[in-house]
Each structure stands twice: as structure tokens, then as C-alpha cells.
Amino acid sequence: MLKWSERLATGVEEIDSQHRELFRRINSLLEACSQRRGEEKIAEVMDFLEEYIVVHFGTEERYMRRYNYPGYSSHRAQHAKFISEFSELRRRLRSGRVSTVVIPTNRLLVDWWINHIGGSDRELGEFLKGRI
């Protein structure tokens, strides 16, 4: 299970609140998998992610544009890569190949949590401190 830590916080409550909700959803999938119920839970998590991507990435990118974040292009490219990987998993799920989606989705989300939120999003938060 992943644990929320204030060291992951960006300092922007709107973004941090969205991250905490993502954290809850990732953990619900990980818990379901540990109970061998991952295939039951995956569609719910994918539905959440489909909306989350639009809302959350939009929120971050709005802050980056508003405050002329110098890492905007790179950060946005990371979002695009996630969207691409998520879209492929979503396509596989919709084609009925549920068992081929659970583990790669876990990997994608945990990697995102560790590397993107713990790295790129924190850098954005540091940049935004004192600007908002």
C-alpha cells in the first residue's frame, strides 16, 4: 500500500487534494488485488482515471501556464505519455481482456505516484511557492 506523506505535497491545496484522492483509488485497487479481486475493481478505477486525467492534468497545466512555469513542456509531455499508456490499457479493458490490464495498471499508477508526483509535481510546487 502507498502512504501519503506531506513530503509529497506540492503546497497547492487543489493539486494536493486531487493527489490524495488518486492515492485512495490506487490503494483500493492494490487492496483488491491482494484479495484476488483486482479484476472486479479495475473497471471502477479506470472510470475514475478517465475523469481524473482530464481534471487533474488540466488543473496542473492551468497553474503552469498562469505562472509561466519553465518546465511546462516537459511536464506536459509526461502527462501525454501517461495518457497514451492509460489509453492502451483502457482499450484492452474494453476489448474484454481484463486479466491483461490489472497488473500493468498497478505498475503504471505506482510508478506515476513515485516518479511523477514525488518528483515533477513537487518541483512544480516548489516553483509555485510564494507565487500563489
N, C-alpha and C. Protein backbone atom coordinates (compact mmCIF):
# COMPACT_ATOMS: atom_id res chain seq x y z
N MET A 1 0.83 -1.18 0.00
CA MET A 1 0.00 0.00 0.00
C MET A 1 0.88 1.25 0.00
N LEU A 2 0.37 2.26 -0.67
CA LEU A 2 1.09 3.53 -0.71
C LEU A 2 0.64 4.40 0.45
N LYS A 3 1.56 5.16 0.99
CA LYS A 3 1.23 6.04 2.10
C LYS A 3 1.43 7.48 1.70
N TRP A 4 0.40 8.29 1.93
CA TRP A 4 0.51 9.71 1.68
C TRP A 4 1.46 10.30 2.70
N SER A 5 2.29 11.19 2.24
CA SER A 5 3.23 11.87 3.11
C SER A 5 3.25 13.33 2.72
N GLU A 6 3.38 14.18 3.69
CA GLU A 6 3.45 15.62 3.39
C GLU A 6 4.66 15.97 2.54
N ARG A 7 5.66 15.08 2.50
CA ARG A 7 6.81 15.36 1.64
C ARG A 7 6.43 15.27 0.16
N LEU A 8 5.26 14.67 -0.13
CA LEU A 8 4.75 14.60 -1.50
C LEU A 8 3.90 15.81 -1.85
N ALA A 9 3.54 16.59 -0.84
CA ALA A 9 2.65 17.74 -1.06
C ALA A 9 3.33 18.80 -1.91
N THR A 10 2.53 19.41 -2.78
CA THR A 10 3.04 20.49 -3.62
C THR A 10 2.88 21.84 -2.93
N GLY A 11 1.99 21.90 -1.94
CA GLY A 11 1.70 23.17 -1.30
C GLY A 11 0.52 23.88 -1.95
N VAL A 12 0.00 23.32 -3.02
CA VAL A 12 -1.18 23.86 -3.69
C VAL A 12 -2.33 22.93 -3.33
N GLU A 13 -3.23 23.38 -2.47
CA GLU A 13 -4.26 22.51 -1.92
C GLU A 13 -5.11 21.84 -3.00
N GLU A 14 -5.43 22.56 -4.05
CA GLU A 14 -6.24 21.97 -5.12
C GLU A 14 -5.54 20.75 -5.73
N ILE A 15 -4.26 20.86 -5.98
CA ILE A 15 -3.48 19.76 -6.55
C ILE A 15 -3.29 18.66 -5.51
N ASP A 16 -2.94 19.03 -4.29
CA ASP A 16 -2.71 18.03 -3.24
C ASP A 16 -3.97 17.23 -2.94
N SER A 17 -5.11 17.88 -2.94
CA SER A 17 -6.38 17.19 -2.70
C SER A 17 -6.64 16.16 -3.80
N GLN A 18 -6.36 16.52 -5.03
CA GLN A 18 -6.53 15.58 -6.14
C GLN A 18 -5.55 14.42 -6.01
N HIS A 19 -4.32 14.70 -5.59
CA HIS A 19 -3.34 13.63 -5.39
C HIS A 19 -3.79 12.68 -4.29
N ARG A 20 -4.34 13.23 -3.20
CA ARG A 20 -4.79 12.35 -2.11
C ARG A 20 -5.92 11.44 -2.58
N GLU A 21 -6.81 11.94 -3.44
CA GLU A 21 -7.88 11.09 -3.97
C GLU A 21 -7.30 10.00 -4.87
N LEU A 22 -6.32 10.35 -5.70
CA LEU A 22 -5.65 9.35 -6.53
C LEU A 22 -5.02 8.28 -5.64
N PHE A 23 -4.37 8.71 -4.58
CA PHE A 23 -3.76 7.80 -3.61
C PHE A 23 -4.78 6.81 -3.06
N ARG A 24 -5.98 7.31 -2.69
CA ARG A 24 -7.03 6.43 -2.16
C ARG A 24 -7.45 5.40 -3.22
N ARG A 25 -7.57 5.83 -4.46
CA ARG A 25 -8.01 4.93 -5.52
C ARG A 25 -6.95 3.89 -5.85
N ILE A 26 -5.69 4.30 -5.86
CA ILE A 26 -4.60 3.34 -6.11
C ILE A 26 -4.62 2.28 -5.01
N ASN A 27 -4.73 2.73 -3.77
CA ASN A 27 -4.74 1.78 -2.66
C ASN A 27 -5.95 0.85 -2.71
N SER A 28 -7.09 1.35 -3.16
CA SER A 28 -8.26 0.47 -3.25
C SER A 28 -8.02 -0.62 -4.29
N LEU A 29 -7.33 -0.29 -5.37
CA LEU A 29 -7.00 -1.30 -6.38
C LEU A 29 -5.96 -2.27 -5.83
N LEU A 30 -4.93 -1.76 -5.18
CA LEU A 30 -3.89 -2.63 -4.61
C LEU A 30 -4.49 -3.58 -3.57
N GLU A 31 -5.39 -3.06 -2.75
CA GLU A 31 -6.02 -3.92 -1.75
C GLU A 31 -6.88 -4.99 -2.41
N ALA A 32 -7.64 -4.60 -3.41
CA ALA A 32 -8.46 -5.58 -4.13
C ALA A 32 -7.57 -6.66 -4.75
N CYS A 33 -6.44 -6.26 -5.30
CA CYS A 33 -5.51 -7.24 -5.89
C CYS A 33 -4.97 -8.18 -4.83
N SER A 34 -4.65 -7.66 -3.66
CA SER A 34 -4.12 -8.52 -2.60
C SER A 34 -5.16 -9.53 -2.13
N GLN A 35 -6.43 -9.24 -2.37
CA GLN A 35 -7.52 -10.15 -2.01
C GLN A 35 -8.01 -10.93 -3.23
N ARG A 36 -7.23 -10.85 -4.30
CA ARG A 36 -7.56 -11.54 -5.56
C ARG A 36 -8.89 -11.07 -6.15
N ARG A 37 -9.17 -9.76 -5.97
CA ARG A 37 -10.37 -9.16 -6.53
C ARG A 37 -10.04 -8.03 -7.49
N GLY A 38 -8.81 -8.01 -7.99
CA GLY A 38 -8.36 -6.94 -8.87
C GLY A 38 -9.20 -6.81 -10.13
N GLU A 39 -9.61 -7.94 -10.70
CA GLU A 39 -10.41 -7.90 -11.92
C GLU A 39 -11.79 -7.29 -11.66
N GLU A 40 -12.29 -7.42 -10.43
CA GLU A 40 -13.57 -6.82 -10.08
C GLU A 40 -13.46 -5.30 -9.94
N LYS A 41 -12.32 -4.83 -9.48
CA LYS A 41 -12.13 -3.42 -9.13
C LYS A 41 -11.59 -2.58 -10.30
N ILE A 42 -10.97 -3.21 -11.28
CA ILE A 42 -10.24 -2.46 -12.30
C ILE A 42 -11.14 -1.52 -13.11
N ALA A 43 -12.33 -1.92 -13.47
CA ALA A 43 -13.20 -1.06 -14.28
C ALA A 43 -13.55 0.22 -13.52
N GLU A 44 -13.81 0.10 -12.23
CA GLU A 44 -14.12 1.27 -11.40
C GLU A 44 -12.93 2.23 -11.36
N VAL A 45 -11.75 1.70 -11.18
CA VAL A 45 -10.55 2.54 -11.12
C VAL A 45 -10.28 3.19 -12.48
N MET A 46 -10.48 2.45 -13.55
CA MET A 46 -10.27 3.00 -14.89
C MET A 46 -11.27 4.12 -15.18
N ASP A 47 -12.52 3.96 -14.75
CA ASP A 47 -13.51 5.02 -14.93
C ASP A 47 -13.09 6.28 -14.18
N PHE A 48 -12.63 6.09 -12.95
CA PHE A 48 -12.14 7.22 -12.17
C PHE A 48 -10.97 7.91 -12.89
N LEU A 49 -10.01 7.11 -13.36
CA LEU A 49 -8.83 7.67 -14.02
C LEU A 49 -9.17 8.46 -15.28
N GLU A 50 -10.15 7.99 -16.01
CA GLU A 50 -10.54 8.67 -17.24
C GLU A 50 -10.95 10.11 -16.94
N GLU A 51 -11.71 10.32 -15.88
CA GLU A 51 -12.10 11.67 -15.49
C GLU A 51 -10.95 12.40 -14.80
N TYR A 52 -10.23 11.69 -13.96
CA TYR A 52 -9.14 12.29 -13.19
C TYR A 52 -8.09 12.91 -14.12
N ILE A 53 -7.76 12.21 -15.18
CA ILE A 53 -6.75 12.70 -16.11
C ILE A 53 -7.14 14.07 -16.66
N VAL A 54 -8.37 14.20 -17.07
CA VAL A 54 -8.84 15.46 -17.64
C VAL A 54 -8.80 16.57 -16.59
N VAL A 55 -9.38 16.30 -15.44
CA VAL A 55 -9.48 17.31 -14.39
C VAL A 55 -8.11 17.65 -13.81
N HIS A 56 -7.38 16.63 -13.39
CA HIS A 56 -6.13 16.88 -12.68
C HIS A 56 -5.04 17.45 -13.59
N PHE A 57 -4.85 16.84 -14.74
CA PHE A 57 -3.82 17.37 -15.64
C PHE A 57 -4.19 18.78 -16.08
N GLY A 58 -5.47 19.01 -16.29
CA GLY A 58 -5.93 20.36 -16.63
C GLY A 58 -5.61 21.36 -15.53
N THR A 59 -5.82 20.96 -14.29
CA THR A 59 -5.51 21.82 -13.14
C THR A 59 -4.03 22.17 -13.12
N GLU A 60 -3.18 21.16 -13.19
CA GLU A 60 -1.74 21.42 -13.14
C GLU A 60 -1.29 22.29 -14.30
N GLU A 61 -1.77 21.98 -15.49
CA GLU A 61 -1.34 22.74 -16.67
C GLU A 61 -1.84 24.18 -16.62
N ARG A 62 -3.00 24.39 -16.03
CA ARG A 62 -3.51 25.76 -15.86
C ARG A 62 -2.57 26.56 -14.94
N TYR A 63 -2.14 25.95 -13.83
CA TYR A 63 -1.19 26.63 -12.94
C TYR A 63 0.13 26.90 -13.65
N MET A 64 0.60 25.93 -14.42
CA MET A 64 1.88 26.10 -15.11
C MET A 64 1.80 27.25 -16.11
N ARG A 65 0.72 27.33 -16.85
CA ARG A 65 0.57 28.42 -17.84
C ARG A 65 0.41 29.77 -17.14
N ARG A 66 -0.42 29.79 -16.11
CA ARG A 66 -0.70 31.05 -15.42
C ARG A 66 0.57 31.66 -14.83
N TYR A 67 1.47 30.83 -14.32
CA TYR A 67 2.66 31.33 -13.65
C TYR A 67 3.93 31.14 -14.48
N ASN A 68 3.75 30.86 -15.77
CA ASN A 68 4.89 30.71 -16.70
C ASN A 68 5.95 29.75 -16.18
N TYR A 69 5.51 28.56 -15.82
CA TYR A 69 6.41 27.54 -15.30
C TYR A 69 7.41 27.14 -16.38
N PRO A 70 8.71 27.25 -16.13
CA PRO A 70 9.71 26.94 -17.16
C PRO A 70 9.75 25.47 -17.56
N GLY A 71 9.25 24.57 -16.72
CA GLY A 71 9.25 23.15 -17.04
C GLY A 71 7.94 22.69 -17.67
N TYR A 72 7.14 23.62 -18.15
CA TYR A 72 5.81 23.29 -18.68
C TYR A 72 5.86 22.24 -19.78
N SER A 73 6.69 22.43 -20.78
CA SER A 73 6.72 21.50 -21.92
C SER A 73 7.07 20.08 -21.48
N SER A 74 8.07 19.96 -20.64
CA SER A 74 8.49 18.65 -20.16
C SER A 74 7.39 17.99 -19.31
N HIS A 75 6.81 18.78 -18.44
CA HIS A 75 5.77 18.27 -17.55
C HIS A 75 4.56 17.83 -18.36
N ARG A 76 4.19 18.64 -19.33
CA ARG A 76 3.04 18.30 -20.18
C ARG A 76 3.34 17.04 -21.00
N ALA A 77 4.57 16.86 -21.43
CA ALA A 77 4.96 15.65 -22.17
C ALA A 77 4.80 14.41 -21.29
N GLN A 78 5.10 14.54 -19.99
CA GLN A 78 4.89 13.42 -19.07
C GLN A 78 3.41 13.09 -18.97
N HIS A 79 2.57 14.11 -18.92
CA HIS A 79 1.13 13.88 -18.90
C HIS A 79 0.69 13.16 -20.18
N ALA A 80 1.20 13.59 -21.31
CA ALA A 80 0.84 12.97 -22.59
C ALA A 80 1.25 11.50 -22.62
N LYS A 81 2.42 11.19 -22.08
CA LYS A 81 2.89 9.80 -22.04
C LYS A 81 1.98 8.95 -21.16
N PHE A 82 1.59 9.49 -20.02
CA PHE A 82 0.68 8.76 -19.14
C PHE A 82 -0.65 8.51 -19.85
N ILE A 83 -1.18 9.53 -20.51
CA ILE A 83 -2.45 9.40 -21.23
C ILE A 83 -2.35 8.31 -22.28
N SER A 84 -1.25 8.27 -22.99
CA SER A 84 -1.05 7.26 -24.02
C SER A 84 -1.04 5.85 -23.42
N GLU A 85 -0.30 5.67 -22.34
CA GLU A 85 -0.22 4.36 -21.68
C GLU A 85 -1.58 3.98 -21.09
N PHE A 86 -2.24 4.94 -20.47
CA PHE A 86 -3.56 4.68 -19.91
C PHE A 86 -4.55 4.30 -21.02
N SER A 87 -4.51 5.01 -22.13
CA SER A 87 -5.44 4.74 -23.23
C SER A 87 -5.28 3.33 -23.76
N GLU A 88 -4.05 2.86 -23.83
CA GLU A 88 -3.82 1.48 -24.28
C GLU A 88 -4.41 0.48 -23.29
N LEU A 89 -4.22 0.71 -22.00
CA LEU A 89 -4.79 -0.18 -21.00
C LEU A 89 -6.33 -0.13 -21.05
N ARG A 90 -6.87 1.05 -21.24
CA ARG A 90 -8.33 1.21 -21.33
C ARG A 90 -8.87 0.45 -22.55
N ARG A 91 -8.16 0.54 -23.66
CA ARG A 91 -8.56 -0.17 -24.88
C ARG A 91 -8.60 -1.68 -24.61
N ARG A 92 -7.55 -2.18 -23.95
CA ARG A 92 -7.50 -3.61 -23.65
C ARG A 92 -8.64 -4.03 -22.72
N LEU A 93 -8.95 -3.19 -21.75
CA LEU A 93 -10.04 -3.50 -20.83
C LEU A 93 -11.37 -3.55 -21.59
N ARG A 94 -11.59 -2.58 -22.45
CA ARG A 94 -12.85 -2.53 -23.22
C ARG A 94 -12.98 -3.69 -24.19
N SER A 95 -11.85 -4.25 -24.61
CA SER A 95 -11.91 -5.39 -25.54
C SER A 95 -12.12 -6.70 -24.80
N GLY A 96 -12.29 -6.61 -23.47
CA GLY A 96 -12.60 -7.80 -22.69
C GLY A 96 -11.40 -8.53 -22.13
N ARG A 97 -10.23 -7.95 -22.28
CA ARG A 97 -9.02 -8.61 -21.78
C ARG A 97 -8.66 -8.10 -20.39
N VAL A 98 -9.59 -8.27 -19.47
CA VAL A 98 -9.45 -7.74 -18.11
C VAL A 98 -8.19 -8.24 -17.43
N SER A 99 -7.91 -9.52 -17.56
CA SER A 99 -6.76 -10.10 -16.85
C SER A 99 -5.43 -9.53 -17.33
N THR A 100 -5.40 -8.93 -18.52
CA THR A 100 -4.15 -8.36 -19.03
C THR A 100 -3.98 -6.90 -18.63
N VAL A 101 -4.91 -6.38 -17.85
CA VAL A 101 -4.90 -4.95 -17.52
C VAL A 101 -4.55 -4.67 -16.06
N VAL A 102 -4.90 -5.55 -15.15
CA VAL A 102 -4.78 -5.27 -13.73
C VAL A 102 -3.33 -4.99 -13.31
N ILE A 103 -2.42 -5.89 -13.60
CA ILE A 103 -1.03 -5.71 -13.16
C ILE A 103 -0.37 -4.52 -13.86
N PRO A 104 -0.51 -4.35 -15.19
CA PRO A 104 0.08 -3.16 -15.81
C PRO A 104 -0.50 -1.85 -15.28
N THR A 105 -1.77 -1.85 -14.92
CA THR A 105 -2.37 -0.63 -14.34
C THR A 105 -1.76 -0.34 -12.99
N ASN A 106 -1.60 -1.37 -12.17
CA ASN A 106 -0.93 -1.19 -10.87
C ASN A 106 0.46 -0.59 -11.07
N ARG A 107 1.22 -1.16 -12.00
CA ARG A 107 2.58 -0.68 -12.26
C ARG A 107 2.57 0.78 -12.71
N LEU A 108 1.68 1.10 -13.65
CA LEU A 108 1.60 2.47 -14.16
C LEU A 108 1.29 3.44 -13.03
N LEU A 109 0.32 3.11 -12.20
CA LEU A 109 -0.08 4.02 -11.12
C LEU A 109 0.98 4.16 -10.04
N VAL A 110 1.59 3.06 -9.65
CA VAL A 110 2.62 3.13 -8.61
C VAL A 110 3.84 3.89 -9.13
N ASP A 111 4.23 3.62 -10.37
CA ASP A 111 5.35 4.35 -10.97
C ASP A 111 5.03 5.84 -11.04
N TRP A 112 3.82 6.16 -11.42
CA TRP A 112 3.40 7.56 -11.52
C TRP A 112 3.45 8.21 -10.14
N TRP A 113 2.98 7.48 -9.16
CA TRP A 113 2.97 8.01 -7.80
C TRP A 113 4.38 8.33 -7.33
N ILE A 114 5.28 7.41 -7.53
CA ILE A 114 6.65 7.58 -7.04
C ILE A 114 7.42 8.61 -7.85
N ASN A 115 7.41 8.47 -9.17
CA ASN A 115 8.27 9.30 -10.00
C ASN A 115 7.68 10.65 -10.38
N HIS A 116 6.44 10.66 -10.81
CA HIS A 116 5.88 11.94 -11.26
C HIS A 116 5.44 12.81 -10.08
N ILE A 117 4.60 12.27 -9.21
CA ILE A 117 4.12 13.07 -8.09
C ILE A 117 5.26 13.40 -7.14
N GLY A 118 6.08 12.40 -6.84
CA GLY A 118 7.20 12.62 -5.92
C GLY A 118 8.33 13.43 -6.52
N GLY A 119 8.34 13.61 -7.83
CA GLY A 119 9.41 14.36 -8.49
C GLY A 119 8.90 15.60 -9.20
N SER A 120 8.33 15.41 -10.35
CA SER A 120 7.91 16.54 -11.19
C SER A 120 6.87 17.43 -10.52
N ASP A 121 5.89 16.84 -9.86
CA ASP A 121 4.86 17.66 -9.22
C ASP A 121 5.42 18.42 -8.02
N ARG A 122 6.33 17.80 -7.32
CA ARG A 122 6.97 18.52 -6.20
C ARG A 122 7.78 19.70 -6.71
N GLU A 123 8.46 19.51 -7.84
CA GLU A 123 9.22 20.61 -8.44
C GLU A 123 8.28 21.75 -8.81
N LEU A 124 7.13 21.41 -9.38
CA LEU A 124 6.14 22.43 -9.71
C LEU A 124 5.70 23.16 -8.44
N GLY A 125 5.44 22.41 -7.38
CA GLY A 125 5.05 23.01 -6.11
C GLY A 125 6.09 23.97 -5.57
N GLU A 126 7.36 23.58 -5.67
CA GLU A 126 8.45 24.46 -5.22
C GLU A 126 8.45 25.76 -6.02
N PHE A 127 8.25 25.64 -7.32
CA PHE A 127 8.19 26.83 -8.19
C PHE A 127 7.02 27.73 -7.81
N LEU A 128 5.89 27.14 -7.49
CA LEU A 128 4.68 27.92 -7.21
C LEU A 128 4.68 28.58 -5.84
N LYS A 129 5.54 28.08 -4.92
CA LYS A 129 5.58 28.67 -3.57
C LYS A 129 5.88 30.16 -3.68
N GLY A 130 5.07 30.93 -2.99
CA GLY A 130 5.27 32.37 -2.98
C GLY A 130 4.70 33.08 -4.20
N ARG A 131 4.22 32.33 -5.16
CA ARG A 131 3.64 32.94 -6.36
C ARG A 131 2.10 32.95 -6.31
N ILE A 132 1.54 32.03 -5.54
CA ILE A 132 0.07 31.99 -5.46
C ILE A 132 -0.41 32.41 -4.09
